[in-house]
Amino acid sequence: MKHLRYTQGVVLLAAVRKDLSFAALRRRCGNRGRANQVAPNSKSSQSPSSSQPRKRAPPRIAKRRTSSRPLLVIDGDSFAHRSYHALPKTIQRMDGKGAGAIVGFANALLRLYDAERPRAVLAAWDTLEVPTERHEKLPDYQGGREFDDSLIEQLDILPKFVAVCGFANAKAPGYEADDFLAAAVGAEERRGGRVLVASGDRDTFQLASEAATILFPVRAGEMARIGPAQVRERYGVDPSQVPDFIALRGDPSDRIPGARGVGPKGAADLLRRHGSLDAILAAGLFPAQAEALRLYRSIATMNASAPIPVLRDQTPTWSKAADLAHKWGLNQLGGRLAQRATASTPG
């Protein structure tokens, strides 16, 4: 077992390590143009002096098209961890190294793609090696977490699998996977699109909106769809209040203590009465913990300014993914991917 921490910095990752490209140039899509049409003159026999001036049709302005298909954003670490602990450790690659996280993540990716038919896919990843800003602000943040060496090694190469499928990755020192999820949601909402966020982390409930739905795994192969109404039903607060709720209630899995003596029901009641953590503190509650509670809220808030690649519509490259799976000795997975490649080939 190896204990890992996280680091800070800014790197835009469109793939992972030396195997993949880091380039992500932002270009505006869409054509600007106008078509000036001349109205036909039906009186061709008229002399030039008696003909009427030809009228020009109004210019046609090209409208920006937004795909009706959603963007799918996946918390890569969340699904890899779940897969690693759910599947037998006897699942191995040709070189004898573990493959349970790879196979489980791949299965989840394919199920999600089949069910949702997204226009593009982005897999978001933690950087495990060194501390993030959250760890520097709260040294106990996520303390005590340990990861098997086999899981670490599979997490390191999973972005390569995502890339050969024709999809995008986001990973950078100083950011957690959650931050890339928030950045992708914001970008897709600004372009007028819909986004699906697949994650087993309830912190993502803060991203739920009319345009963003959380796909939350509840059992093998089954996802609960979480929108604003479901957040209110589960927590008793609006999505925008989730960071305040976490600050007050605390989060044992992340080692966020919360307000002393306040549980889920108490946190929801306080937010219903006051509206926000700032209003609660302004009312004179928790004076001795005010600074700490603001810190907990900042840690629970996802950073939507995290760098992500430009996410244009994608066409899966299943044949390349099949080749990589076979190279790893994962022949059943490779066979399924090869079938997809054949089915998607015209002719």
Protein backbone atom coordinates (compact mmCIF):
# COMPACT_ATOMS: atom_id res chain seq x y z
CA MET A 1 0.00 0.00 0.00
CA LYS A 2 1.19 3.49 -0.76
CA HIS A 3 0.05 6.72 0.80
CA LEU A 4 -0.28 9.50 -1.76
CA ARG A 5 -0.66 13.21 -1.66
CA TYR A 6 -1.40 15.83 -4.25
CA THR A 7 0.31 18.93 -5.84
CA GLN A 8 -0.39 22.35 -7.19
CA GLY A 9 0.21 23.92 -10.56
CA VAL A 10 -1.58 24.51 -13.82
CA VAL A 11 -1.21 22.24 -16.81
CA LEU A 12 -3.77 21.73 -19.54
CA LEU A 13 -4.04 18.03 -20.25
CA ALA A 14 -5.82 16.69 -23.31
CA ALA A 15 -4.37 13.26 -22.66
CA VAL A 16 -1.78 11.84 -20.24
CA ARG A 17 2.01 11.84 -19.90
CA LYS A 18 4.36 11.43 -22.87
CA ASP A 19 1.96 9.05 -24.66
CA LEU A 20 -0.52 11.77 -25.45
CA SER A 21 -0.64 15.39 -26.64
CA PHE A 22 -1.12 18.33 -24.27
CA ALA A 23 -2.23 20.72 -27.07
CA ALA A 24 -5.67 22.23 -26.80
CA LEU A 25 -6.19 25.31 -28.96
CA ARG A 26 -9.41 27.22 -28.51
CA ARG A 27 -11.02 28.16 -31.76
CA ARG A 28 -14.44 29.49 -32.34
CA CYS A 29 -16.66 27.20 -34.35
CA GLY A 30 -19.28 28.25 -36.78
CA ASN A 31 -19.27 30.08 -40.06
CA ARG A 32 -20.14 33.67 -40.53
CA GLY A 33 -21.57 34.39 -43.89
CA ARG A 34 -24.32 35.99 -45.77
CA ALA A 35 -26.03 35.04 -48.97
CA ASN A 36 -27.34 37.90 -51.04
CA GLN A 37 -29.96 36.61 -53.44
CA VAL A 38 -31.27 38.62 -56.37
CA ALA A 39 -34.98 38.43 -57.00
CA PRO A 40 -35.57 37.09 -60.50
CA ASN A 41 -37.08 39.51 -63.04
CA SER A 42 -40.05 37.76 -64.60
CA LYS A 43 -40.63 40.56 -67.15
CA SER A 44 -37.66 39.79 -69.34
CA SER A 45 -39.29 41.41 -72.34
CA GLN A 46 -39.31 44.87 -70.74
CA SER A 47 -36.86 47.41 -72.02
CA PRO A 48 -34.13 48.57 -69.63
CA SER A 49 -35.83 51.91 -69.20
CA SER A 50 -39.12 50.36 -68.09
CA SER A 51 -37.76 47.55 -65.90
CA GLN A 52 -38.07 47.77 -62.12
CA PRO A 53 -34.94 47.79 -59.92
CA ARG A 54 -33.99 44.31 -58.78
CA LYS A 55 -34.58 43.72 -55.05
CA ARG A 56 -32.04 42.01 -52.82
CA ALA A 57 -33.19 39.42 -50.33
CA PRO A 58 -32.23 40.17 -46.72
CA PRO A 59 -28.92 38.63 -45.69
CA ARG A 60 -29.05 35.23 -44.03
CA ILE A 61 -26.95 35.08 -40.89
CA ALA A 62 -25.52 31.69 -40.02
CA LYS A 63 -26.76 30.57 -36.62
CA ARG A 64 -24.56 28.71 -34.19
CA ARG A 65 -25.76 25.14 -34.01
CA THR A 66 -25.83 23.31 -30.69
CA SER A 67 -25.93 19.55 -30.81
CA SER A 68 -29.02 18.01 -29.28
CA ARG A 69 -26.83 15.27 -27.83
CA PRO A 70 -25.36 15.83 -24.36
CA LEU A 71 -21.77 16.13 -23.27
CA LEU A 72 -20.80 13.21 -21.01
CA VAL A 73 -18.28 14.00 -18.27
CA ILE A 74 -16.94 11.08 -16.24
CA ASP A 75 -15.21 11.11 -12.85
CA GLY A 76 -12.49 8.67 -13.91
CA ASP A 77 -11.08 8.07 -10.45
CA SER A 78 -14.51 7.38 -8.98
CA PHE A 79 -15.34 4.63 -11.47
CA ALA A 80 -11.82 3.18 -11.47
CA HIS A 81 -11.83 2.90 -7.67
CA ARG A 82 -15.25 1.27 -7.63
CA SER A 83 -14.17 -1.19 -10.31
CA TYR A 84 -10.89 -2.05 -8.62
CA HIS A 85 -12.59 -2.99 -5.36
CA ALA A 86 -15.56 -4.75 -7.01
CA LEU A 87 -13.78 -7.04 -9.48
CA PRO A 88 -11.45 -9.99 -8.77
CA LYS A 89 -7.76 -9.23 -8.51
CA THR A 90 -7.19 -12.25 -10.75
CA ILE A 91 -8.10 -10.12 -13.78
CA GLN A 92 -4.69 -9.38 -15.26
CA ARG A 93 -2.98 -8.13 -18.37
CA MET A 94 -0.59 -10.10 -20.51
CA ASP A 95 2.37 -8.94 -18.40
CA GLY A 96 0.75 -10.15 -15.18
CA LYS A 97 -0.18 -6.67 -13.96
CA GLY A 98 -3.66 -5.97 -12.63
CA ALA A 99 -6.52 -5.06 -14.93
CA GLY A 100 -9.68 -5.02 -12.79
CA ALA A 101 -9.89 -1.22 -12.69
CA ILE A 102 -9.25 -1.02 -16.44
CA VAL A 103 -11.90 -3.59 -17.37
CA GLY A 104 -14.47 -2.22 -14.91
CA PHE A 105 -13.93 1.36 -16.02
CA ALA A 106 -14.13 0.33 -19.69
CA ASN A 107 -17.39 -1.52 -19.07
CA ALA A 108 -18.86 1.53 -17.33
CA LEU A 109 -17.69 3.81 -20.14
CA LEU A 110 -19.30 1.62 -22.80
CA ARG A 111 -22.57 1.32 -20.85
CA LEU A 112 -22.74 5.07 -20.42
CA TYR A 113 -21.97 5.69 -24.07
CA ASP A 114 -24.64 3.24 -25.22
CA ALA A 115 -27.26 4.62 -22.85
CA GLU A 116 -26.65 8.33 -23.43
CA ARG A 117 -25.16 8.61 -26.96
CA PRO A 118 -23.20 11.75 -26.05
CA ARG A 119 -21.75 14.17 -28.58
CA ALA A 120 -18.42 14.04 -26.73
CA VAL A 121 -16.86 12.43 -23.67
CA LEU A 122 -14.43 13.92 -21.14
CA ALA A 123 -12.81 11.79 -18.43
CA ALA A 124 -11.56 13.76 -15.42
CA TRP A 125 -8.72 12.56 -13.20
CA ASP A 126 -7.04 13.39 -9.91
CA THR A 127 -3.31 13.99 -9.76
CA LEU A 128 -2.29 11.67 -6.95
CA GLU A 129 1.38 12.36 -6.44
CA VAL A 130 1.48 15.67 -4.54
CA PRO A 131 -0.78 18.04 -2.53
CA THR A 132 -3.43 20.35 -3.94
CA GLU A 133 -4.36 23.76 -2.54
CA ARG A 134 -7.10 22.07 -0.53
CA HIS A 135 -4.51 19.93 1.27
CA GLU A 136 -2.41 23.00 2.02
CA LYS A 137 -5.39 24.83 3.52
CA LEU A 138 -6.59 21.82 5.53
CA PRO A 139 -3.72 19.39 6.22
CA ASP A 140 -6.10 16.62 7.32
CA TYR A 141 -8.09 16.84 4.09
CA GLN A 142 -8.55 13.29 2.73
CA GLY A 143 -6.07 12.12 5.34
CA GLY A 144 -5.53 8.41 5.84
CA ARG A 145 -6.37 7.40 2.28
CA GLU A 146 -4.16 4.67 0.91
CA PHE A 147 -4.01 3.09 -2.51
CA ASP A 148 -2.70 -0.26 -3.65
CA ASP A 149 0.23 -0.05 -6.02
CA SER A 150 -1.77 -2.01 -8.59
CA LEU A 151 -4.58 0.56 -8.51
CA ILE A 152 -2.11 3.42 -8.88
CA GLU A 153 -0.53 1.80 -11.91
CA GLN A 154 -3.91 1.26 -13.57
CA LEU A 155 -5.01 4.82 -12.83
CA ASP A 156 -1.84 5.96 -14.53
CA ILE A 157 -2.64 4.22 -17.84
CA LEU A 158 -6.42 4.50 -17.95
CA PRO A 159 -6.31 7.95 -19.61
CA LYS A 160 -4.44 6.29 -22.49
CA PHE A 161 -7.38 3.94 -22.97
CA VAL A 162 -9.81 6.90 -22.96
CA ALA A 163 -7.71 8.68 -25.58
CA VAL A 164 -7.53 5.72 -27.98
CA CYS A 165 -11.33 5.49 -27.76
CA GLY A 166 -11.36 8.95 -29.36
CA PHE A 167 -12.38 10.77 -26.18
CA ALA A 168 -10.74 13.53 -24.12
CA ASN A 169 -9.02 13.62 -20.73
CA ALA A 170 -8.49 16.37 -18.17
CA LYS A 171 -5.77 16.02 -15.55
CA ALA A 172 -3.46 18.64 -14.07
CA PRO A 173 -1.43 19.18 -10.87
CA GLY A 174 -3.30 21.31 -8.35
CA TYR A 175 -6.75 20.16 -9.43
CA GLU A 176 -9.02 17.28 -8.52
CA ALA A 177 -11.29 15.43 -10.92
CA ASP A 178 -14.27 17.30 -9.42
CA ASP A 179 -12.84 20.62 -10.60
CA PHE A 180 -12.74 19.47 -14.22
CA LEU A 181 -16.34 18.27 -13.91
CA ALA A 182 -17.38 21.74 -12.78
CA ALA A 183 -15.42 23.43 -15.56
CA ALA A 184 -16.99 21.17 -18.20
CA VAL A 185 -20.50 21.81 -16.86
CA GLY A 186 -19.94 25.57 -16.96
CA ALA A 187 -18.55 25.47 -20.49
CA GLU A 188 -21.40 23.34 -21.83
CA GLU A 189 -24.05 25.46 -20.14
CA ARG A 190 -22.55 28.59 -21.70
CA ARG A 191 -22.80 27.07 -25.19
CA GLY A 192 -26.45 26.20 -24.56
CA GLY A 193 -25.90 22.44 -24.37
CA ARG A 194 -26.79 19.68 -21.95
CA VAL A 195 -24.31 17.82 -19.80
CA LEU A 196 -24.33 14.53 -17.92
CA VAL A 197 -21.92 14.13 -15.01
CA ALA A 198 -21.18 10.51 -14.09
CA SER A 199 -19.72 10.27 -10.60
CA GLY A 200 -20.10 8.38 -7.35
CA ASP A 201 -19.16 11.51 -5.36
CA ARG A 202 -22.13 13.30 -3.80
CA ASP A 203 -20.17 16.55 -3.83
CA THR A 204 -21.11 16.71 -7.53
CA PHE A 205 -24.73 17.38 -6.54
CA GLN A 206 -23.74 21.05 -6.41
CA LEU A 207 -23.50 20.92 -10.23
CA ALA A 208 -27.12 19.86 -10.81
CA SER A 209 -29.15 22.33 -12.87
CA GLU A 210 -31.75 22.45 -15.61
CA ALA A 211 -28.94 21.73 -18.07
CA ALA A 212 -26.81 19.38 -15.93
CA THR A 213 -27.84 15.97 -14.58
CA ILE A 214 -25.72 13.84 -12.27
CA LEU A 215 -25.53 10.11 -13.08
CA PHE A 216 -24.97 8.59 -9.66
CA PRO A 217 -24.25 4.82 -9.43
CA VAL A 218 -26.59 3.07 -7.00
CA ARG A 219 -25.84 -0.58 -7.88
CA ALA A 220 -24.01 -2.53 -10.53
CA GLY A 221 -24.87 -1.04 -13.91
CA GLU A 222 -27.66 1.18 -12.58
CA MET A 223 -27.53 4.98 -12.35
CA ALA A 224 -29.78 7.37 -10.49
CA ARG A 225 -30.44 10.61 -12.36
CA ILE A 226 -29.96 13.55 -10.00
CA GLY A 227 -31.33 16.97 -10.90
CA PRO A 228 -32.19 19.95 -8.69
CA ALA A 229 -35.41 18.31 -7.46
CA GLN A 230 -33.57 15.15 -6.40
CA VAL A 231 -30.93 17.20 -4.56
CA ARG A 232 -33.66 18.99 -2.62
CA GLU A 233 -35.34 15.65 -1.90
CA ARG A 234 -32.13 14.03 -0.60
CA TYR A 235 -30.51 16.95 1.22
CA GLY A 236 -33.31 19.46 1.74
CA VAL A 237 -31.25 22.20 0.05
CA ASP A 238 -30.75 23.62 -3.43
CA PRO A 239 -27.70 22.54 -5.48
CA SER A 240 -26.11 25.97 -4.98
CA GLN A 241 -26.29 25.41 -1.21
CA VAL A 242 -24.48 22.06 -1.25
CA PRO A 243 -21.02 23.52 -0.38
CA ASP A 244 -22.57 25.39 2.57
CA PHE A 245 -24.38 22.20 3.57
CA ILE A 246 -21.12 20.20 3.51
CA ALA A 247 -19.33 22.89 5.51
CA LEU A 248 -21.97 22.72 8.24
CA ARG A 249 -22.59 18.97 8.24
CA GLY A 250 -18.99 17.97 7.57
CA ASP A 251 -17.74 15.16 5.36
CA PRO A 252 -16.02 12.26 7.15
CA SER A 253 -14.71 10.76 3.89
CA ASP A 254 -12.77 13.96 3.17
CA ARG A 255 -11.97 14.68 6.84
CA ILE A 256 -13.99 17.91 6.86
CA PRO A 257 -15.14 18.32 10.49
CA GLY A 258 -18.18 20.58 9.99
CA ALA A 259 -19.92 22.63 12.67
CA ARG A 260 -19.92 21.08 16.12
CA GLY A 261 -23.20 19.40 16.97
CA VAL A 262 -24.70 19.88 13.49
CA GLY A 263 -25.84 16.90 11.40
CA PRO A 264 -27.56 16.65 8.02
CA LYS A 265 -31.00 17.66 9.27
CA GLY A 266 -29.64 20.56 11.32
CA ALA A 267 -27.55 21.83 8.41
CA ALA A 268 -30.56 21.73 6.06
CA ASP A 269 -32.79 23.50 8.62
CA LEU A 270 -30.24 26.27 9.10
CA LEU A 271 -29.92 26.83 5.37
CA ARG A 272 -33.69 26.85 4.86
CA ARG A 273 -34.03 29.53 7.55
CA HIS A 274 -31.06 31.70 6.62
CA GLY A 275 -30.31 30.88 3.00
CA SER A 276 -26.53 30.68 3.17
CA LEU A 277 -23.57 30.07 5.44
CA ASP A 278 -22.70 33.77 5.30
CA ALA A 279 -26.19 34.70 6.52
CA ILE A 280 -25.95 32.10 9.29
CA LEU A 281 -22.67 33.57 10.48
CA ALA A 282 -24.02 37.12 10.15
CA ALA A 283 -26.86 36.11 12.48
CA GLY A 284 -24.27 35.41 15.17
CA LEU A 285 -24.25 31.61 15.02
CA PHE A 286 -20.99 29.65 15.39
CA PRO A 287 -18.81 32.70 16.13
CA ALA A 288 -15.90 30.58 17.31
CA GLN A 289 -16.00 28.46 14.13
CA ALA A 290 -16.77 31.14 11.56
CA GLU A 291 -13.34 31.14 9.93
CA ALA A 292 -13.14 27.35 9.91
CA LEU A 293 -16.61 26.99 8.37
CA ARG A 294 -15.73 29.39 5.57
CA LEU A 295 -12.63 27.31 4.94
CA TYR A 296 -14.66 24.09 4.83
CA ARG A 297 -17.03 25.67 2.30
CA SER A 298 -14.15 26.74 0.05
CA ILE A 299 -12.76 23.20 0.14
CA ALA A 300 -16.17 21.71 -0.71
CA THR A 301 -16.68 24.11 -3.62
CA MET A 302 -15.56 22.79 -7.00
CA ASN A 303 -13.21 25.00 -8.98
CA ALA A 304 -14.93 25.72 -12.29
CA SER A 305 -11.86 27.55 -13.61
CA ALA A 306 -9.90 24.29 -13.99
CA PRO A 307 -8.35 23.96 -17.47
CA ILE A 308 -10.15 21.63 -19.86
CA PRO A 309 -9.65 20.92 -23.57
CA VAL A 310 -12.01 22.27 -26.21
CA LEU A 311 -14.75 19.66 -26.49
CA ARG A 312 -15.92 19.43 -30.08
CA ASP A 313 -18.15 16.58 -31.24
CA GLN A 314 -16.25 13.30 -31.26
CA THR A 315 -16.35 10.10 -33.30
CA PRO A 316 -15.28 7.04 -31.29
CA THR A 317 -12.23 5.14 -32.56
CA TRP A 318 -13.24 1.72 -31.31
CA SER A 319 -10.77 -0.11 -33.53
CA LYS A 320 -7.80 1.64 -31.91
CA ALA A 321 -9.22 0.85 -28.47
CA ALA A 322 -9.62 -2.80 -29.51
CA ASP A 323 -5.99 -2.93 -30.61
CA LEU A 324 -4.81 -1.58 -27.26
CA ALA A 325 -7.01 -4.00 -25.30
CA HIS A 326 -5.61 -6.94 -27.29
CA LYS A 327 -2.08 -5.63 -26.74
CA TRP A 328 -2.76 -5.70 -23.00
CA GLY A 329 -4.07 -9.25 -23.28
CA LEU A 330 -7.64 -8.21 -22.43
CA ASN A 331 -9.12 -10.21 -25.28
CA GLN A 332 -12.76 -10.21 -24.19
CA LEU A 333 -12.75 -6.43 -23.91
CA GLY A 334 -10.84 -6.21 -27.19
CA GLY A 335 -13.42 -8.41 -28.90
CA ARG A 336 -16.32 -6.25 -27.76
CA LEU A 337 -14.54 -3.12 -28.97
CA ALA A 338 -13.72 -4.77 -32.31
CA GLN A 339 -17.41 -5.62 -32.78
CA ARG A 340 -18.28 -1.97 -32.20
CA ALA A 341 -15.69 -0.91 -34.74
CA THR A 342 -17.16 -3.30 -37.33
CA ALA A 343 -20.73 -2.22 -36.60
CA SER A 344 -19.85 1.46 -36.98
CA THR A 345 -17.99 0.98 -40.29
CA PRO A 346 -20.09 2.06 -43.30
CA GLY A 347 -20.76 -0.48 -46.03
